[in-house]
Protein backbone atom coordinates (compact mmCIF):
# COMPACT_ATOMS: atom_id res chain seq x y z
CA UNK A 1 1.75 20.64 24.33
CA UNK A 2 2.57 22.77 21.30
CA UNK A 3 5.76 20.76 20.64
CA UNK A 4 3.80 17.50 20.59
CA UNK A 5 1.26 18.89 18.11
CA UNK A 6 4.02 20.07 15.78
CA UNK A 7 5.65 16.64 15.89
CA UNK A 8 2.38 14.92 14.97
CA UNK A 9 1.83 17.24 12.02
CA UNK A 10 5.19 16.29 10.52
CA UNK A 11 4.81 12.54 11.02
CA UNK A 12 3.80 10.71 7.83
CA UNK A 13 2.49 7.18 8.02
CA UNK A 14 3.94 5.07 5.22
CA UNK A 15 1.30 2.75 3.81
CA UNK A 16 2.26 -0.48 2.10
CA UNK A 17 0.64 -3.31 0.20
CA UNK A 18 1.74 -6.89 0.79
CA UNK A 19 0.99 -9.20 -2.11
CA UNK A 20 0.86 -13.00 -1.93
CA UNK A 21 1.61 -14.06 -5.51
CA UNK A 22 0.48 -17.66 -5.95
CA UNK A 23 1.62 -17.74 -9.58
CA UNK A 24 5.32 -17.57 -8.65
CA UNK A 25 5.11 -18.48 -4.93
CA UNK A 26 6.41 -15.10 -3.70
CA UNK A 27 5.44 -12.48 -1.16
CA UNK A 28 6.12 -8.88 -2.15
CA UNK A 29 5.70 -5.67 -0.18
CA UNK A 30 5.28 -2.39 -2.05
CA UNK A 31 5.24 1.12 -0.61
CA UNK A 32 2.20 3.08 -1.71
CA UNK A 33 2.65 6.55 -3.19
CA UNK A 34 1.36 9.24 -0.81
CA UNK A 35 -1.52 10.10 -3.16
CA UNK A 36 -2.96 6.58 -2.73
CA UNK A 37 -3.20 6.75 1.07
CA UNK A 38 -6.88 6.32 1.87
CA UNK A 39 -7.74 5.45 -1.75
CA UNK A 40 -10.65 3.25 -2.78
CA UNK A 41 -10.07 -0.44 -3.53
CA UNK A 42 -10.36 0.15 -7.28
CA UNK A 43 -7.47 2.65 -7.24
CA UNK A 44 -5.31 0.26 -5.21
CA UNK A 45 -6.08 -2.60 -7.58
CA UNK A 46 -5.15 -0.32 -10.49
CA UNK A 47 -1.82 0.36 -8.79
CA UNK A 48 -1.24 -3.39 -8.33
CA UNK A 49 -2.11 -4.16 -11.97
CA UNK A 50 0.20 -1.35 -13.06
CA UNK A 51 3.03 -3.10 -11.22
CA UNK A 52 2.46 -6.21 -13.38
CA UNK A 53 0.38 -8.42 -11.09
CA UNK A 54 -2.70 -10.37 -12.16
CA UNK A 55 -5.55 -9.98 -9.67
CA UNK A 56 -6.67 -13.55 -10.39
CA UNK A 57 -3.49 -15.06 -8.96
CA UNK A 58 -2.83 -12.92 -5.87
CA UNK A 59 -4.18 -11.94 -2.49
CA UNK A 60 -3.23 -8.53 -1.16
CA UNK A 61 -3.52 -6.44 1.99
CA UNK A 62 -2.92 -2.76 2.71
CA UNK A 63 -1.19 -1.89 6.00
CA UNK A 64 1.18 0.52 7.75
């Protein structure tokens, strides 16, 4: 039981954002920095804009 709990504490879920970019007909997947895990939508959209995307020409989804 103790071994299982230690394993779970050291497991980090890597969150990603998949972006459907209609402007250039591409699908991109970006790994989120650890500090954005569980962040509000506004922070995630700020991250996306910072990567050079225009929110008006994309659809995006956060996932594991």
